[in-house]
Amino acid sequence: MNKQSLLSFYYKNTIEAGCDEAGRGCLAGPVFAAAVILPADFKNDLLNDSKKLSEKQRYQLRPIVEEQALAWAVVAVDNKEIDEVNILNASFLAMNRAVEKLTTVPQHLLIDGNRFRTRCKIPYTCMIKGDGRFYSIAAASILAKTYRDDYMAEIHKEFPYYDWHKNKGYPTKKHRAGIKEHGPCKYHRMSFRLLDEQLELKF
């Protein structure tokens, strides 16, 4: 069964930027956000919500998005700033900064999710599961996810006992076991619950 075709735009004849983030639920590392403006006639049968694609497919799509987009930008907000402003605000901040970094100014933003806080005057529409509905949001999800994965694989070399090259900072058993044995490091989000309290209980 073929997946439903994604939509090219929300408003016709409008320069739209799709925006998405990656890494909100992680215990370590930055949250990354991307903004992408695609041509109105852009089509790609493989492009979809990055979570529904394999790692190989995501990296296959990244250069296609970068080459064919009218403009794109990727921004990271690090764990220190996440701890200062909280993860929701950090996600909004990252998306705003990605939009501001675009070389073409969009007329409308398509935001993945149900909430957004803007600091620019560009109108926006929030789309629940938008990365599975619109090409531009799906493209932004690919860039945010792959650039964040690259970052986590790089800092894994510095702190290999957290298994970041596999879990990318998400709270897997091996990641939490690494925190329990070695403690948190400079990349951990100290405002997050790093250890599941149940691990400490004696049954």
C-alpha atoms as a PDB file:
ATOM      1  CA  MET A   1       0.000   0.000   0.000  1.00  0.00           C
ATOM      2  CA  ASN A   2       1.492   3.340  -1.058  1.00  0.00           C
ATOM      3  CA  LYS A   3       1.712   6.149   1.434  1.00  0.00           C
ATOM      4  CA  GLN A   4      -0.505   9.154   0.895  1.00  0.00           C
ATOM      5  CA  SER A   5       1.177  11.804  -1.213  1.00  0.00           C
ATOM      6  CA  LEU A   6       2.409  14.822   0.701  1.00  0.00           C
ATOM      7  CA  LEU A   7       1.074  18.294  -0.059  1.00  0.00           C
ATOM      8  CA  SER A   8       3.264  20.888  -1.765  1.00  0.00           C
ATOM      9  CA  PHE A   9       1.810  23.944  -0.035  1.00  0.00           C
ATOM     10  CA  TYR A  10      -0.837  25.241   2.350  1.00  0.00           C
ATOM     11  CA  TYR A  11      -1.413  28.569   0.624  1.00  0.00           C
ATOM     12  CA  LYS A  12      -1.053  28.740  -3.146  1.00  0.00           C
ATOM     13  CA  ASN A  13       1.343  31.296  -4.680  1.00  0.00           C
ATOM     14  CA  THR A  14       2.940  31.928  -1.289  1.00  0.00           C
ATOM     15  CA  ILE A  15       6.567  31.500  -0.240  1.00  0.00           C
ATOM     16  CA  GLU A  16       6.192  28.952   2.548  1.00  0.00           C
ATOM     17  CA  ALA A  17       8.852  27.602   4.884  1.00  0.00           C
ATOM     18  CA  GLY A  18       8.326  24.290   6.623  1.00  0.00           C
ATOM     19  CA  CYS A  19       9.796  24.097  10.147  1.00  0.00           C
ATOM     20  CA  ASP A  20      10.538  21.138  12.385  1.00  0.00           C
ATOM     21  CA  GLU A  21      12.829  20.170  15.249  1.00  0.00           C
ATOM     22  CA  ALA A  22      14.679  17.082  16.447  1.00  0.00           C
ATOM     23  CA  GLY A  23      15.856  16.031  19.891  1.00  0.00           C
ATOM     24  CA  ARG A  24      13.197  17.375  22.228  1.00  0.00           C
ATOM     25  CA  GLY A  25      12.940  14.148  24.209  1.00  0.00           C
ATOM     26  CA  CYS A  26      16.674  13.562  24.584  1.00  0.00           C
ATOM     27  CA  LEU A  27      18.592  13.683  27.851  1.00  0.00           C
ATOM     28  CA  ALA A  28      21.711  15.129  26.225  1.00  0.00           C
ATOM     29  CA  GLY A  29      22.820  17.352  23.390  1.00  0.00           C
ATOM     30  CA  PRO A  30      21.160  20.271  21.640  1.00  0.00           C
ATOM     31  CA  VAL A  31      17.732  20.499  20.092  1.00  0.00           C
ATOM     32  CA  PHE A  32      18.109  21.097  16.357  1.00  0.00           C
ATOM     33  CA  ALA A  33      15.597  22.876  14.117  1.00  0.00           C
ATOM     34  CA  ALA A  34      15.417  23.356  10.376  1.00  0.00           C
ATOM     35  CA  ALA A  35      13.458  25.643   8.070  1.00  0.00           C
ATOM     36  CA  VAL A  36      13.061  24.746   4.399  1.00  0.00           C
ATOM     37  CA  ILE A  37      11.513  26.558   1.439  1.00  0.00           C
ATOM     38  CA  LEU A  38      10.857  24.198  -1.469  1.00  0.00           C
ATOM     39  CA  PRO A  39       9.786  24.993  -5.040  1.00  0.00           C
ATOM     40  CA  ALA A  40       5.993  24.827  -5.453  1.00  0.00           C
ATOM     41  CA  ASP A  41       6.361  21.931  -7.904  1.00  0.00           C
ATOM     42  CA  PHE A  42       8.711  19.888  -5.698  1.00  0.00           C
ATOM     43  CA  LYS A  43       7.863  16.182  -5.591  1.00  0.00           C
ATOM     44  CA  ASN A  44       9.675  13.188  -4.115  1.00  0.00           C
ATOM     45  CA  ASP A  45       8.140   9.743  -3.584  1.00  0.00           C
ATOM     46  CA  LEU A  46      10.532   8.820  -0.772  1.00  0.00           C
ATOM     47  CA  LEU A  47      10.293  12.008   1.304  1.00  0.00           C
ATOM     48  CA  ASN A  48       8.186  11.575   4.438  1.00  0.00           C
ATOM     49  CA  ASP A  49       8.264  12.155   8.181  1.00  0.00           C
ATOM     50  CA  SER A  50      11.889  11.393   9.126  1.00  0.00           C
ATOM     51  CA  LYS A  51      10.734   9.057  11.922  1.00  0.00           C
ATOM     52  CA  LYS A  52       9.130   6.779   9.318  1.00  0.00           C
ATOM     53  CA  LEU A  53      12.318   6.468   7.265  1.00  0.00           C
ATOM     54  CA  SER A  54      15.473   4.445   7.788  1.00  0.00           C
ATOM     55  CA  GLU A  55      18.740   6.183   8.603  1.00  0.00           C
ATOM     56  CA  LYS A  56      19.991   5.337   5.099  1.00  0.00           C
ATOM     57  CA  GLN A  57      16.899   6.925   3.521  1.00  0.00           C
ATOM     58  CA  ARG A  58      17.256  10.090   5.600  1.00  0.00           C
ATOM     59  CA  TYR A  59      20.857  10.578   4.521  1.00  0.00           C
ATOM     60  CA  GLN A  60      19.893   9.794   0.940  1.00  0.00           C
ATOM     61  CA  LEU A  61      17.280  12.560   1.048  1.00  0.00           C
ATOM     62  CA  ARG A  62      19.390  15.240   2.734  1.00  0.00           C
ATOM     63  CA  PRO A  63      21.461  16.279  -0.334  1.00  0.00           C
ATOM     64  CA  ILE A  64      18.306  16.207  -2.491  1.00  0.00           C
ATOM     65  CA  VAL A  65      16.588  18.641  -0.116  1.00  0.00           C
ATOM     66  CA  GLU A  66      19.662  20.872   0.121  1.00  0.00           C
ATOM     67  CA  GLU A  67      20.175  20.991  -3.649  1.00  0.00           C
ATOM     68  CA  GLN A  68      16.547  21.512  -4.649  1.00  0.00           C
ATOM     69  CA  ALA A  69      15.358  23.824  -1.859  1.00  0.00           C
ATOM     70  CA  LEU A  70      15.035  27.515  -2.639  1.00  0.00           C
ATOM     71  CA  ALA A  71      16.466  28.126   0.844  1.00  0.00           C
ATOM     72  CA  TRP A  72      17.210  26.062   3.936  1.00  0.00           C
ATOM     73  CA  ALA A  73      18.778  26.568   7.358  1.00  0.00           C
ATOM     74  CA  VAL A  74      19.621  24.403  10.359  1.00  0.00           C
ATOM     75  CA  VAL A  75      20.171  25.757  13.886  1.00  0.00           C
ATOM     76  CA  ALA A  76      21.037  24.145  17.229  1.00  0.00           C
ATOM     77  CA  VAL A  77      20.162  25.342  20.731  1.00  0.00           C
ATOM     78  CA  ASP A  78      22.535  23.681  23.190  1.00  0.00           C
ATOM     79  CA  ASN A  79      21.799  21.921  26.471  1.00  0.00           C
ATOM     80  CA  LYS A  80      22.863  24.932  28.574  1.00  0.00           C
ATOM     81  CA  GLU A  81      20.284  27.156  26.906  1.00  0.00           C
ATOM     82  CA  ILE A  82      17.692  24.359  27.113  1.00  0.00           C
ATOM     83  CA  ASP A  83      18.248  24.259  30.889  1.00  0.00           C
ATOM     84  CA  GLU A  84      17.838  28.046  31.077  1.00  0.00           C
ATOM     85  CA  VAL A  85      14.627  28.459  29.058  1.00  0.00           C
ATOM     86  CA  ASN A  86      13.125  24.884  29.134  1.00  0.00           C
ATOM     87  CA  ILE A  87      12.880  22.482  26.195  1.00  0.00           C
ATOM     88  CA  LEU A  88       9.615  23.817  24.741  1.00  0.00           C
ATOM     89  CA  ASN A  89      10.915  27.391  24.569  1.00  0.00           C
ATOM     90  CA  ALA A  90      14.267  26.129  23.260  1.00  0.00           C
ATOM     91  CA  SER A  91      12.450  24.347  20.425  1.00  0.00           C
ATOM     92  CA  PHE A  92      10.577  27.535  19.535  1.00  0.00           C
ATOM     93  CA  LEU A  93      13.830  29.476  19.747  1.00  0.00           C
ATOM     94  CA  ALA A  94      15.620  27.056  17.425  1.00  0.00           C
ATOM     95  CA  MET A  95      12.841  27.240  14.826  1.00  0.00           C
ATOM     96  CA  ASN A  96      12.747  31.044  14.993  1.00  0.00           C
ATOM     97  CA  ARG A  97      16.511  31.216  14.517  1.00  0.00           C
ATOM     98  CA  ALA A  98      16.348  28.811  11.578  1.00  0.00           C
ATOM     99  CA  VAL A  99      13.703  30.997   9.896  1.00  0.00           C
ATOM    100  CA  GLU A 100      15.809  34.118  10.514  1.00  0.00           C
ATOM    101  CA  LYS A 101      18.793  32.389   8.910  1.00  0.00           C
ATOM    102  CA  LEU A 102      16.968  31.695   5.628  1.00  0.00           C
ATOM    103  CA  THR A 103      18.363  33.574   2.621  1.00  0.00           C
ATOM    104  CA  THR A 104      14.823  33.991   1.275  1.00  0.00           C
ATOM    105  CA  VAL A 105      12.227  35.582   3.547  1.00  0.00           C
ATOM    106  CA  PRO A 106       9.111  33.395   3.701  1.00  0.00           C
ATOM    107  CA  GLN A 107       5.591  34.804   3.615  1.00  0.00           C
ATOM    108  CA  HIS A 108       4.115  32.002   5.697  1.00  0.00           C
ATOM    109  CA  LEU A 109       5.460  29.336   8.066  1.00  0.00           C
ATOM    110  CA  LEU A 110       4.246  25.760   8.387  1.00  0.00           C
ATOM    111  CA  ILE A 111       5.144  24.570  11.890  1.00  0.00           C
ATOM    112  CA  ASP A 112       5.161  20.906  12.849  1.00  0.00           C
ATOM    113  CA  GLY A 113       3.185  20.448  16.058  1.00  0.00           C
ATOM    114  CA  ASN A 114       0.308  22.151  17.818  1.00  0.00           C
ATOM    115  CA  ARG A 115       2.097  25.143  19.367  1.00  0.00           C
ATOM    116  CA  PHE A 116       4.557  27.831  18.378  1.00  0.00           C
ATOM    117  CA  ARG A 117       5.767  31.139  19.761  1.00  0.00           C
ATOM    118  CA  THR A 118       7.078  33.467  17.107  1.00  0.00           C
ATOM    119  CA  ARG A 119       9.434  36.422  17.429  1.00  0.00           C
ATOM    120  CA  CYS A 120       9.007  37.563  13.821  1.00  0.00           C
ATOM    121  CA  LYS A 121       6.037  39.058  11.993  1.00  0.00           C
ATOM    122  CA  ILE A 122       5.634  36.172   9.565  1.00  0.00           C
ATOM    123  CA  PRO A 123       2.214  34.491   9.866  1.00  0.00           C
ATOM    124  CA  TYR A 124       2.277  30.788  10.687  1.00  0.00           C
ATOM    125  CA  THR A 125       0.075  27.715  10.828  1.00  0.00           C
ATOM    126  CA  CYS A 126       0.698  24.820  13.221  1.00  0.00           C
ATOM    127  CA  MET A 127       0.208  21.347  11.786  1.00  0.00           C
ATOM    128  CA  ILE A 128      -0.115  18.267  14.005  1.00  0.00           C
ATOM    129  CA  LYS A 129       1.938  15.509  12.338  1.00  0.00           C
ATOM    130  CA  GLY A 130       2.779  18.054   9.674  1.00  0.00           C
ATOM    131  CA  ASP A 131       5.971  16.198   8.772  1.00  0.00           C
ATOM    132  CA  GLY A 132       3.744  13.470   7.325  1.00  0.00           C
ATOM    133  CA  ARG A 133       1.502  15.941   5.491  1.00  0.00           C
ATOM    134  CA  PHE A 134       3.659  18.598   3.817  1.00  0.00           C
ATOM    135  CA  TYR A 135       6.837  18.281   1.785  1.00  0.00           C
ATOM    136  CA  SER A 136       8.451  21.361   3.329  1.00  0.00           C
ATOM    137  CA  ILE A 137       7.947  20.158   6.919  1.00  0.00           C
ATOM    138  CA  ALA A 138       9.108  16.652   6.001  1.00  0.00           C
ATOM    139  CA  ALA A 139      12.220  18.174   4.409  1.00  0.00           C
ATOM    140  CA  ALA A 140      12.868  20.215   7.573  1.00  0.00           C
ATOM    141  CA  SER A 141      12.485  17.070   9.686  1.00  0.00           C
ATOM    142  CA  ILE A 142      15.110  15.289   7.546  1.00  0.00           C
ATOM    143  CA  LEU A 143      17.640  18.106   7.952  1.00  0.00           C
ATOM    144  CA  ALA A 144      17.043  18.601  11.686  1.00  0.00           C
ATOM    145  CA  LYS A 145      17.286  14.864  12.384  1.00  0.00           C
ATOM    146  CA  THR A 146      20.384  14.105  10.278  1.00  0.00           C
ATOM    147  CA  TYR A 147      22.374  17.138  11.437  1.00  0.00           C
ATOM    148  CA  ARG A 148      21.567  16.312  15.037  1.00  0.00           C
ATOM    149  CA  ASP A 149      22.528  12.666  14.531  1.00  0.00           C
ATOM    150  CA  ASP A 150      25.855  13.806  13.061  1.00  0.00           C
ATOM    151  CA  TYR A 151      26.465  15.989  16.110  1.00  0.00           C
ATOM    152  CA  MET A 152      25.654  13.204  18.574  1.00  0.00           C
ATOM    153  CA  ALA A 153      27.903  10.745  16.727  1.00  0.00           C
ATOM    154  CA  GLU A 154      30.734  13.288  16.995  1.00  0.00           C
ATOM    155  CA  ILE A 155      30.396  13.913  20.742  1.00  0.00           C
ATOM    156  CA  HIS A 156      30.055  10.151  21.278  1.00  0.00           C
ATOM    157  CA  LYS A 157      33.800  10.006  20.534  1.00  0.00           C
ATOM    158  CA  GLU A 158      34.368  12.230  23.555  1.00  0.00           C
ATOM    159  CA  PHE A 159      32.019  10.299  25.880  1.00  0.00           C
ATOM    160  CA  PRO A 160      31.647   6.777  24.429  1.00  0.00           C
ATOM    161  CA  TYR A 161      30.095   5.180  27.516  1.00  0.00           C
ATOM    162  CA  TYR A 162      26.693   6.794  26.908  1.00  0.00           C
ATOM    163  CA  ASP A 163      26.245   4.991  23.544  1.00  0.00           C
ATOM    164  CA  TRP A 164      25.197   8.221  21.798  1.00  0.00           C
ATOM    165  CA  HIS A 165      26.221   6.981  18.348  1.00  0.00           C
ATOM    166  CA  LYS A 166      23.272   4.579  18.652  1.00  0.00           C
ATOM    167  CA  ASN A 167      20.729   6.239  20.950  1.00  0.00           C
ATOM    168  CA  LYS A 168      21.497   9.852  19.898  1.00  0.00           C
ATOM    169  CA  GLY A 169      20.876  11.017  23.468  1.00  0.00           C
ATOM    170  CA  TYR A 170      17.479   9.429  23.999  1.00  0.00           C
ATOM    171  CA  PRO A 171      16.860   7.737  27.379  1.00  0.00           C
ATOM    172  CA  THR A 172      17.708   4.150  26.491  1.00  0.00           C
ATOM    173  CA  LYS A 173      18.725   1.617  29.144  1.00  0.00           C
ATOM    174  CA  LYS A 174      22.361   1.803  28.017  1.00  0.00           C
ATOM    175  CA  HIS A 175      22.375   5.614  28.132  1.00  0.00           C
ATOM    176  CA  ARG A 176      20.920   5.662  31.639  1.00  0.00           C
ATOM    177  CA  ALA A 177      23.308   2.915  32.738  1.00  0.00           C
ATOM    178  CA  GLY A 178      26.173   5.126  31.546  1.00  0.00           C
ATOM    179  CA  ILE A 179      24.829   8.055  33.577  1.00  0.00           C
ATOM    180  CA  LYS A 180      24.428   5.838  36.627  1.00  0.00           C
ATOM    181  CA  GLU A 181      28.021   4.587  36.382  1.00  0.00           C
ATOM    182  CA  HIS A 182      29.858   7.699  35.210  1.00  0.00           C
ATOM    183  CA  GLY A 183      27.481  10.517  36.152  1.00  0.00           C
ATOM    184  CA  PRO A 184      26.272  13.210  33.740  1.00  0.00           C
ATOM    185  CA  CYS A 185      28.675  15.137  31.501  1.00  0.00           C
ATOM    186  CA  LYS A 186      28.813  18.660  30.087  1.00  0.00           C
ATOM    187  CA  TYR A 187      26.344  17.781  27.308  1.00  0.00           C
ATOM    188  CA  HIS A 188      23.562  16.504  29.569  1.00  0.00           C
ATOM    189  CA  ARG A 189      20.410  18.522  30.183  1.00  0.00           C
ATOM    190  CA  MET A 190      20.491  18.947  33.928  1.00  0.00           C
ATOM    191  CA  SER A 191      16.875  20.157  34.035  1.00  0.00           C
ATOM    192  CA  PHE A 192      15.768  16.706  32.786  1.00  0.00           C
ATOM    193  CA  ARG A 193      15.257  13.606  34.935  1.00  0.00           C
ATOM    194  CA  LEU A 194      18.411  11.782  33.901  1.00  0.00           C
ATOM    195  CA  LEU A 195      17.776   8.605  35.877  1.00  0.00           C
ATOM    196  CA  ASP A 196      14.515   6.720  36.125  1.00  0.00           C
ATOM    197  CA  GLU A 197      13.814   6.621  39.858  1.00  0.00           C
ATOM    198  CA  GLN A 198      12.426   3.091  39.470  1.00  0.00           C
ATOM    199  CA  LEU A 199      15.958   1.884  38.745  1.00  0.00           C
ATOM    200  CA  GLU A 200      16.811   2.757  42.334  1.00  0.00           C
ATOM    201  CA  LEU A 201      13.965   0.765  43.909  1.00  0.00           C
ATOM    202  CA  LYS A 202      14.638  -2.611  45.504  1.00  0.00           C
ATOM    203  CA  PHE A 203      11.960  -5.151  44.724  1.00  0.00           C
END
